[in-house]
């Protein structure tokens, strides 16, 4: 195992999981607690493109470093770890280039006035997409946490 590549791999995992966790569990709730819903949505919406690209970049670096360290393809445990990164990359790519832009598009159509039925279809669609987004975000955080916690298992 190449020691520098191994260190870069661990750093990428830490940035991936740490960055996602801080944004998801500390920054976003704080923004929504201290700002109006409309302002908070705009702030978080402005951060999302950078956030998703950062997470995607950290996962790419983790995969490249894992491969360079010789920890990617030899043995079932190494393949399982690599598969978690590939799964996470797939989810992050979908989130970055598919789901997040769709959410922003729908958010722009939400009416600030209540509809006659009391429910704005755009708001309902945004809530559905938001639920998918939160679920996928948690899956990626969990996958990265598994890679960190089981580093010794996945490296040999």
N, C-alpha and C. Protein backbone atom coordinates (compact mmCIF):
# COMPACT_ATOMS: atom_id res chain seq x y z
N UNK A 1 0.84 -1.18 0.00
CA UNK A 1 0.00 0.00 0.00
C UNK A 1 0.89 1.24 0.00
N UNK A 2 0.57 2.17 -0.85
CA UNK A 2 1.32 3.42 -0.95
C UNK A 2 0.88 4.35 0.19
N UNK A 3 1.80 4.77 1.08
CA UNK A 3 1.40 5.54 2.26
C UNK A 3 0.81 6.92 1.95
N UNK A 4 1.33 7.60 0.95
CA UNK A 4 0.78 8.93 0.63
C UNK A 4 -0.62 8.80 0.07
N UNK A 5 -0.81 7.86 -0.85
CA UNK A 5 -2.14 7.65 -1.42
C UNK A 5 -3.13 7.22 -0.34
N UNK A 6 -2.67 6.40 0.58
CA UNK A 6 -3.53 5.97 1.68
C UNK A 6 -3.93 7.16 2.56
N UNK A 7 -2.99 8.05 2.83
CA UNK A 7 -3.29 9.25 3.63
C UNK A 7 -4.26 10.16 2.89
N UNK A 8 -4.07 10.33 1.58
CA UNK A 8 -4.98 11.16 0.78
C UNK A 8 -6.38 10.55 0.79
N UNK A 9 -6.45 9.23 0.71
CA UNK A 9 -7.73 8.52 0.76
C UNK A 9 -8.46 8.82 2.08
N UNK A 10 -7.77 8.69 3.18
CA UNK A 10 -8.39 8.94 4.48
C UNK A 10 -8.80 10.40 4.63
N UNK A 11 -7.97 11.31 4.12
CA UNK A 11 -8.32 12.74 4.16
C UNK A 11 -9.56 13.02 3.32
N UNK A 12 -9.63 12.43 2.13
CA UNK A 12 -10.80 12.63 1.27
C UNK A 12 -12.07 12.11 1.95
N UNK A 13 -11.97 10.94 2.60
CA UNK A 13 -13.13 10.42 3.33
C UNK A 13 -13.55 11.36 4.45
N UNK A 14 -12.56 11.88 5.19
CA UNK A 14 -12.87 12.79 6.29
C UNK A 14 -13.56 14.06 5.78
N UNK A 15 -13.06 14.61 4.67
CA UNK A 15 -13.67 15.82 4.10
C UNK A 15 -15.07 15.53 3.58
N UNK A 16 -15.23 14.39 2.94
CA UNK A 16 -16.52 13.98 2.38
C UNK A 16 -17.55 13.85 3.51
N UNK A 17 -17.28 12.99 4.47
CA UNK A 17 -18.25 12.73 5.53
C UNK A 17 -18.37 13.93 6.47
N UNK A 18 -17.25 14.53 6.82
CA UNK A 18 -17.28 15.69 7.71
C UNK A 18 -18.00 16.87 7.08
N UNK A 19 -17.69 17.15 5.82
CA UNK A 19 -18.34 18.27 5.14
C UNK A 19 -19.83 18.07 5.02
N UNK A 20 -20.23 16.87 4.62
CA UNK A 20 -21.66 16.59 4.48
C UNK A 20 -22.37 16.66 5.83
N UNK A 21 -21.72 16.13 6.86
CA UNK A 21 -22.34 16.10 8.19
C UNK A 21 -22.49 17.50 8.77
N UNK A 22 -21.45 18.32 8.66
CA UNK A 22 -21.52 19.69 9.18
C UNK A 22 -22.62 20.47 8.47
N UNK A 23 -22.65 20.38 7.16
CA UNK A 23 -23.67 21.12 6.41
C UNK A 23 -25.07 20.61 6.73
N UNK A 24 -25.23 19.28 6.74
CA UNK A 24 -26.57 18.68 6.91
C UNK A 24 -27.11 18.80 8.33
N UNK A 25 -26.24 18.62 9.31
CA UNK A 25 -26.72 18.52 10.70
C UNK A 25 -26.47 19.76 11.54
N UNK A 26 -25.61 20.67 11.09
CA UNK A 26 -25.34 21.88 11.86
C UNK A 26 -25.71 23.15 11.10
N UNK A 27 -25.13 23.35 9.91
CA UNK A 27 -25.32 24.60 9.19
C UNK A 27 -26.77 24.79 8.71
N UNK A 28 -27.30 23.80 8.01
CA UNK A 28 -28.66 23.95 7.47
C UNK A 28 -29.70 24.17 8.56
N UNK A 29 -29.72 23.35 9.63
CA UNK A 29 -30.71 23.63 10.69
C UNK A 29 -30.52 25.01 11.33
N UNK A 30 -29.28 25.45 11.48
CA UNK A 30 -29.03 26.77 12.06
C UNK A 30 -29.56 27.87 11.15
N UNK A 31 -29.34 27.72 9.87
CA UNK A 31 -29.84 28.72 8.90
C UNK A 31 -31.36 28.78 8.96
N UNK A 32 -32.03 27.62 8.99
CA UNK A 32 -33.50 27.61 9.02
C UNK A 32 -34.06 28.07 10.36
N UNK A 33 -33.27 27.92 11.42
CA UNK A 33 -33.71 28.36 12.75
C UNK A 33 -33.60 29.88 12.89
N UNK A 34 -32.65 30.50 12.19
CA UNK A 34 -32.38 31.92 12.40
C UNK A 34 -32.89 32.83 11.28
N UNK A 35 -33.34 32.25 10.19
CA UNK A 35 -33.80 33.04 9.05
C UNK A 35 -35.26 32.70 8.75
N UNK A 36 -35.90 33.57 8.01
CA UNK A 36 -37.26 33.26 7.56
C UNK A 36 -37.16 32.07 6.60
N UNK A 37 -38.24 31.30 6.47
CA UNK A 37 -38.19 30.15 5.56
C UNK A 37 -37.75 30.53 4.14
N UNK A 38 -38.24 31.67 3.66
CA UNK A 38 -37.88 32.09 2.30
C UNK A 38 -36.40 32.44 2.21
N UNK A 39 -35.89 33.19 3.17
CA UNK A 39 -34.47 33.56 3.17
C UNK A 39 -33.58 32.32 3.36
N UNK A 40 -33.97 31.46 4.28
CA UNK A 40 -33.18 30.25 4.53
C UNK A 40 -33.12 29.39 3.27
N UNK A 41 -34.25 29.25 2.59
CA UNK A 41 -34.29 28.47 1.35
C UNK A 41 -33.36 29.05 0.29
N UNK A 42 -33.33 30.38 0.20
CA UNK A 42 -32.44 31.02 -0.77
C UNK A 42 -30.97 30.81 -0.40
N UNK A 43 -30.66 30.93 0.88
CA UNK A 43 -29.27 30.75 1.33
C UNK A 43 -28.80 29.33 1.07
N UNK A 44 -29.58 28.37 1.54
CA UNK A 44 -29.21 26.96 1.36
C UNK A 44 -29.20 26.61 -0.13
N UNK A 45 -30.17 27.12 -0.87
CA UNK A 45 -30.21 26.88 -2.31
C UNK A 45 -28.97 27.42 -3.02
N UNK A 46 -28.44 28.54 -2.54
CA UNK A 46 -27.23 29.11 -3.14
C UNK A 46 -25.99 28.28 -2.80
N UNK A 47 -26.00 27.65 -1.64
CA UNK A 47 -24.86 26.83 -1.20
C UNK A 47 -24.87 25.46 -1.88
N UNK A 48 -26.04 24.93 -2.17
CA UNK A 48 -26.15 23.57 -2.71
C UNK A 48 -25.24 23.24 -3.89
N UNK A 49 -25.18 24.07 -4.92
CA UNK A 49 -24.32 23.69 -6.05
C UNK A 49 -22.85 23.48 -5.63
N UNK A 50 -22.35 24.35 -4.77
CA UNK A 50 -20.97 24.22 -4.28
C UNK A 50 -20.85 22.98 -3.39
N UNK A 51 -21.81 22.78 -2.53
CA UNK A 51 -21.82 21.64 -1.61
C UNK A 51 -21.78 20.32 -2.36
N UNK A 52 -22.66 20.16 -3.33
CA UNK A 52 -22.71 18.90 -4.06
C UNK A 52 -21.46 18.66 -4.88
N UNK A 53 -20.91 19.70 -5.48
CA UNK A 53 -19.67 19.53 -6.24
C UNK A 53 -18.49 19.21 -5.32
N UNK A 54 -18.45 19.83 -4.15
CA UNK A 54 -17.41 19.53 -3.16
C UNK A 54 -17.48 18.05 -2.76
N UNK A 55 -18.68 17.58 -2.44
CA UNK A 55 -18.86 16.18 -2.03
C UNK A 55 -18.48 15.23 -3.17
N UNK A 56 -18.90 15.57 -4.36
CA UNK A 56 -18.57 14.76 -5.53
C UNK A 56 -17.05 14.72 -5.73
N UNK A 57 -16.40 15.87 -5.61
CA UNK A 57 -14.95 15.94 -5.76
C UNK A 57 -14.22 15.12 -4.70
N UNK A 58 -14.68 15.20 -3.46
CA UNK A 58 -14.04 14.44 -2.38
C UNK A 58 -14.19 12.94 -2.62
N UNK A 59 -15.34 12.52 -3.11
CA UNK A 59 -15.55 11.10 -3.40
C UNK A 59 -14.69 10.64 -4.58
N UNK A 60 -14.52 11.48 -5.58
CA UNK A 60 -13.64 11.15 -6.72
C UNK A 60 -12.20 11.01 -6.23
N UNK A 61 -11.76 11.96 -5.42
CA UNK A 61 -10.40 11.88 -4.86
C UNK A 61 -10.24 10.61 -4.04
N UNK A 62 -11.25 10.27 -3.24
CA UNK A 62 -11.19 9.04 -2.44
C UNK A 62 -11.03 7.81 -3.34
N UNK A 63 -11.78 7.75 -4.41
CA UNK A 63 -11.69 6.60 -5.32
C UNK A 63 -10.32 6.53 -6.00
N UNK A 64 -9.83 7.65 -6.48
CA UNK A 64 -8.52 7.68 -7.14
C UNK A 64 -7.42 7.31 -6.14
N UNK A 65 -7.47 7.89 -4.96
CA UNK A 65 -6.45 7.59 -3.95
C UNK A 65 -6.53 6.14 -3.50
N UNK A 66 -7.73 5.62 -3.35
CA UNK A 66 -7.91 4.21 -2.96
C UNK A 66 -7.28 3.30 -4.01
N UNK A 67 -7.50 3.63 -5.27
CA UNK A 67 -6.92 2.85 -6.36
C UNK A 67 -5.39 2.97 -6.35
N UNK A 68 -4.88 4.21 -6.21
CA UNK A 68 -3.43 4.42 -6.19
C UNK A 68 -2.77 3.74 -4.99
N UNK A 69 -3.50 3.62 -3.90
CA UNK A 69 -2.95 2.97 -2.70
C UNK A 69 -2.99 1.46 -2.81
N UNK A 70 -3.61 0.95 -3.86
CA UNK A 70 -3.71 -0.50 -4.04
C UNK A 70 -4.80 -1.13 -3.19
N UNK A 71 -5.79 -0.33 -2.82
CA UNK A 71 -6.85 -0.83 -1.93
C UNK A 71 -8.18 -1.00 -2.64
N UNK A 72 -8.20 -1.03 -3.97
CA UNK A 72 -9.48 -0.95 -4.67
C UNK A 72 -10.04 -2.27 -5.17
N UNK A 73 -9.20 -3.16 -5.68
CA UNK A 73 -9.76 -4.25 -6.46
C UNK A 73 -9.33 -5.66 -6.07
N UNK A 74 -8.43 -5.82 -5.15
CA UNK A 74 -7.98 -7.19 -4.85
C UNK A 74 -8.61 -7.67 -3.55
N UNK A 75 -9.51 -8.61 -3.68
CA UNK A 75 -10.17 -9.16 -2.51
C UNK A 75 -11.59 -8.65 -2.36
N UNK A 76 -12.41 -9.46 -1.75
CA UNK A 76 -13.83 -9.13 -1.59
C UNK A 76 -14.04 -7.89 -0.73
N UNK A 77 -13.28 -7.75 0.35
CA UNK A 77 -13.46 -6.58 1.22
C UNK A 77 -13.06 -5.30 0.51
N UNK A 78 -11.99 -5.36 -0.27
CA UNK A 78 -11.58 -4.17 -1.01
C UNK A 78 -12.62 -3.80 -2.06
N UNK A 79 -13.13 -4.81 -2.73
CA UNK A 79 -14.18 -4.55 -3.73
C UNK A 79 -15.43 -3.97 -3.09
N UNK A 80 -15.78 -4.45 -1.90
CA UNK A 80 -16.96 -3.92 -1.20
C UNK A 80 -16.77 -2.43 -0.88
N UNK A 81 -15.58 -2.07 -0.41
CA UNK A 81 -15.29 -0.67 -0.12
C UNK A 81 -15.33 0.19 -1.37
N UNK A 82 -14.75 -0.32 -2.44
CA UNK A 82 -14.76 0.40 -3.71
C UNK A 82 -16.20 0.55 -4.22
N UNK A 83 -16.99 -0.50 -4.06
CA UNK A 83 -18.40 -0.44 -4.49
C UNK A 83 -19.16 0.64 -3.73
N UNK A 84 -18.86 0.82 -2.44
CA UNK A 84 -19.52 1.89 -1.66
C UNK A 84 -19.18 3.26 -2.23
N UNK A 85 -17.93 3.44 -2.64
CA UNK A 85 -17.55 4.72 -3.22
C UNK A 85 -18.25 4.93 -4.56
N UNK A 86 -18.27 3.90 -5.39
CA UNK A 86 -18.93 4.02 -6.70
C UNK A 86 -20.42 4.29 -6.52
N UNK A 87 -21.07 3.61 -5.58
CA UNK A 87 -22.48 3.88 -5.29
C UNK A 87 -22.66 5.34 -4.87
N UNK A 88 -21.80 5.81 -3.98
CA UNK A 88 -21.88 7.19 -3.51
C UNK A 88 -21.65 8.18 -4.64
N UNK A 89 -20.68 7.89 -5.50
CA UNK A 89 -20.43 8.76 -6.65
C UNK A 89 -21.65 8.83 -7.57
N UNK A 90 -22.28 7.70 -7.77
CA UNK A 90 -23.48 7.65 -8.62
C UNK A 90 -24.59 8.51 -8.02
N UNK A 91 -24.80 8.35 -6.72
CA UNK A 91 -25.84 9.14 -6.04
C UNK A 91 -25.49 10.62 -6.08
N UNK A 92 -24.23 10.94 -5.78
CA UNK A 92 -23.82 12.35 -5.77
C UNK A 92 -23.92 12.98 -7.16
N UNK A 93 -23.58 12.24 -8.20
CA UNK A 93 -23.70 12.77 -9.56
C UNK A 93 -25.17 13.03 -9.90
N UNK A 94 -26.04 12.09 -9.55
CA UNK A 94 -27.48 12.29 -9.77
C UNK A 94 -27.97 13.50 -8.98
N UNK A 95 -27.55 13.59 -7.74
CA UNK A 95 -27.96 14.69 -6.88
C UNK A 95 -27.48 16.03 -7.44
N UNK A 96 -26.22 16.07 -7.85
CA UNK A 96 -25.60 17.30 -8.32
C UNK A 96 -26.18 17.78 -9.64
N UNK A 97 -26.34 16.86 -10.59
CA UNK A 97 -26.70 17.26 -11.94
C UNK A 97 -28.15 16.95 -12.33
N UNK A 98 -28.87 16.25 -11.48
CA UNK A 98 -30.26 15.92 -11.79
C UNK A 98 -31.23 16.45 -10.74
N UNK A 99 -31.12 15.93 -9.54
CA UNK A 99 -32.10 16.24 -8.49
C UNK A 99 -32.02 17.69 -8.00
N UNK A 100 -30.84 18.17 -7.66
CA UNK A 100 -30.71 19.54 -7.14
C UNK A 100 -31.18 20.59 -8.14
N UNK A 101 -30.79 20.51 -9.42
CA UNK A 101 -31.32 21.49 -10.37
C UNK A 101 -32.85 21.41 -10.52
N UNK A 102 -33.38 20.20 -10.46
CA UNK A 102 -34.85 20.03 -10.55
C UNK A 102 -35.51 20.67 -9.34
N UNK A 103 -34.92 20.48 -8.15
CA UNK A 103 -35.48 21.09 -6.94
C UNK A 103 -35.47 22.62 -7.05
N UNK A 104 -34.37 23.17 -7.55
CA UNK A 104 -34.28 24.63 -7.71
C UNK A 104 -35.33 25.13 -8.69
N UNK A 105 -35.53 24.39 -9.76
CA UNK A 105 -36.54 24.74 -10.76
C UNK A 105 -37.94 24.74 -10.15
N UNK A 106 -38.27 23.72 -9.40
CA UNK A 106 -39.59 23.62 -8.77
C UNK A 106 -39.75 24.70 -7.71
N UNK A 107 -38.69 24.96 -6.93
CA UNK A 107 -38.76 25.97 -5.87
C UNK A 107 -39.14 27.34 -6.45
N UNK A 108 -38.64 27.63 -7.65
CA UNK A 108 -38.94 28.92 -8.29
C UNK A 108 -40.41 29.06 -8.66
N UNK A 109 -41.13 27.96 -8.79
CA UNK A 109 -42.54 28.02 -9.21
C UNK A 109 -43.50 27.98 -8.02
N UNK A 110 -42.97 27.83 -6.82
CA UNK A 110 -43.85 27.76 -5.65
C UNK A 110 -44.49 29.13 -5.42
N UNK A 111 -45.79 29.10 -5.29
CA UNK A 111 -46.54 30.33 -5.05
C UNK A 111 -46.42 30.73 -3.59
N UNK A 112 -46.21 32.01 -3.35
CA UNK A 112 -46.15 32.50 -1.97
C UNK A 112 -47.56 32.68 -1.40
N UNK A 113 -48.56 32.66 -2.28
CA UNK A 113 -49.96 32.77 -1.84
C UNK A 113 -50.56 31.37 -1.76
N UNK A 114 -51.40 31.13 -0.78
CA UNK A 114 -52.07 29.83 -0.71
C UNK A 114 -53.01 29.64 -1.90
N UNK A 115 -53.09 28.44 -2.39
CA UNK A 115 -54.02 28.15 -3.49
C UNK A 115 -55.41 27.94 -2.92
N UNK A 116 -56.41 27.88 -3.81
CA UNK A 116 -57.79 27.72 -3.36
C UNK A 116 -57.95 26.44 -2.55
N UNK A 117 -57.27 25.39 -2.95
CA UNK A 117 -57.40 24.13 -2.22
C UNK A 117 -56.51 24.10 -0.98
N UNK A 118 -55.68 25.14 -0.82
CA UNK A 118 -54.79 25.17 0.34
C UNK A 118 -53.46 24.49 0.09
N UNK A 119 -53.34 23.80 -1.05
CA UNK A 119 -52.08 23.12 -1.35
C UNK A 119 -51.58 23.51 -2.73
N UNK A 120 -50.38 23.99 -2.77
CA UNK A 120 -49.72 24.35 -4.02
C UNK A 120 -49.08 23.08 -4.58
N UNK A 121 -49.44 22.68 -5.80
CA UNK A 121 -48.84 21.47 -6.38
C UNK A 121 -47.31 21.55 -6.46
N UNK A 122 -46.78 22.75 -6.71
CA UNK A 122 -45.33 22.90 -6.76
C UNK A 122 -44.71 22.66 -5.39
N UNK A 123 -45.37 23.13 -4.35
CA UNK A 123 -44.88 22.91 -2.98
C UNK A 123 -44.90 21.42 -2.65
N UNK A 124 -45.95 20.74 -3.07
CA UNK A 124 -46.05 19.29 -2.84
C UNK A 124 -44.93 18.55 -3.58
N UNK A 125 -44.67 18.95 -4.82
CA UNK A 125 -43.59 18.33 -5.61
C UNK A 125 -42.23 18.62 -4.98
N UNK A 126 -42.04 19.85 -4.51
CA UNK A 126 -40.77 20.18 -3.85
C UNK A 126 -40.58 19.34 -2.59
N UNK A 127 -41.64 19.16 -1.82
CA UNK A 127 -41.55 18.32 -0.62
C UNK A 127 -41.17 16.89 -0.96
N UNK A 128 -41.73 16.37 -2.04
CA UNK A 128 -41.39 15.01 -2.48
C UNK A 128 -39.92 14.92 -2.87
N UNK A 129 -39.46 15.88 -3.66
CA UNK A 129 -38.06 15.90 -4.08
C UNK A 129 -37.13 16.10 -2.89
N UNK A 130 -37.54 16.93 -1.96
CA UNK A 130 -36.74 17.18 -0.76
C UNK A 130 -36.59 15.90 0.06
N UNK A 131 -37.64 15.12 0.16
CA UNK A 131 -37.56 13.84 0.87
C UNK A 131 -36.58 12.90 0.20
N UNK A 132 -36.60 12.85 -1.12
CA UNK A 132 -35.65 12.01 -1.86
C UNK A 132 -34.24 12.53 -1.62
N UNK A 133 -34.07 13.84 -1.67
CA UNK A 133 -32.76 14.45 -1.47
C UNK A 133 -32.19 14.13 -0.09
N UNK A 134 -33.02 14.28 0.94
CA UNK A 134 -32.54 13.98 2.30
C UNK A 134 -32.16 12.52 2.46
N UNK A 135 -32.95 11.64 1.88
CA UNK A 135 -32.66 10.20 1.97
C UNK A 135 -31.34 9.88 1.29
N UNK A 136 -31.15 10.39 0.07
CA UNK A 136 -29.90 10.13 -0.65
C UNK A 136 -28.70 10.72 0.08
N UNK A 137 -28.88 11.90 0.64
CA UNK A 137 -27.81 12.55 1.40
C UNK A 137 -27.38 11.66 2.57
N UNK A 138 -28.36 11.13 3.29
CA UNK A 138 -28.05 10.25 4.43
C UNK A 138 -27.37 8.95 3.98
N UNK A 139 -27.78 8.41 2.85
CA UNK A 139 -27.15 7.19 2.32
C UNK A 139 -25.68 7.45 2.04
N UNK A 140 -25.37 8.58 1.42
CA UNK A 140 -23.98 8.90 1.08
C UNK A 140 -23.15 9.16 2.34
N UNK A 141 -23.72 9.86 3.31
CA UNK A 141 -23.00 10.08 4.58
C UNK A 141 -22.73 8.73 5.25
N UNK A 142 -23.73 7.88 5.29
CA UNK A 142 -23.60 6.56 5.92
C UNK A 142 -22.55 5.71 5.20
N UNK A 143 -22.55 5.73 3.88
CA UNK A 143 -21.56 4.96 3.11
C UNK A 143 -20.15 5.45 3.42
N UNK A 144 -19.96 6.76 3.45
CA UNK A 144 -18.64 7.30 3.79
C UNK A 144 -18.23 6.96 5.22
N UNK A 145 -19.19 7.01 6.14
CA UNK A 145 -18.89 6.67 7.54
C UNK A 145 -18.48 5.20 7.66
N UNK A 146 -19.13 4.34 6.92
CA UNK A 146 -18.75 2.92 6.91
C UNK A 146 -17.30 2.78 6.44
N UNK A 147 -16.95 3.49 5.39
CA UNK A 147 -15.58 3.41 4.86
C UNK A 147 -14.56 3.90 5.90
N UNK A 148 -14.90 4.92 6.65
CA UNK A 148 -13.99 5.41 7.70
C UNK A 148 -13.90 4.41 8.84
N UNK A 149 -15.04 3.95 9.32
CA UNK A 149 -15.06 3.05 10.48
C UNK A 149 -14.44 1.70 10.17
N UNK A 150 -14.61 1.24 8.96
CA UNK A 150 -14.10 -0.07 8.59
C UNK A 150 -12.85 0.01 7.75
N UNK A 151 -12.09 1.12 7.88
CA UNK A 151 -10.90 1.31 7.06
C UNK A 151 -9.98 0.09 7.11
N UNK A 152 -9.70 -0.41 8.28
CA UNK A 152 -8.81 -1.56 8.39
C UNK A 152 -9.40 -2.79 7.69
N UNK A 153 -10.70 -2.97 7.78
CA UNK A 153 -11.35 -4.11 7.12
C UNK A 153 -11.27 -4.00 5.61
N UNK A 154 -11.53 -2.78 5.10
CA UNK A 154 -11.57 -2.61 3.65
C UNK A 154 -10.20 -2.50 2.99
N UNK A 155 -9.15 -2.31 3.77
CA UNK A 155 -7.84 -2.15 3.15
C UNK A 155 -7.13 -3.48 2.94
N UNK A 156 -7.54 -4.54 3.66
CA UNK A 156 -6.81 -5.80 3.48
C UNK A 156 -7.75 -6.92 3.10
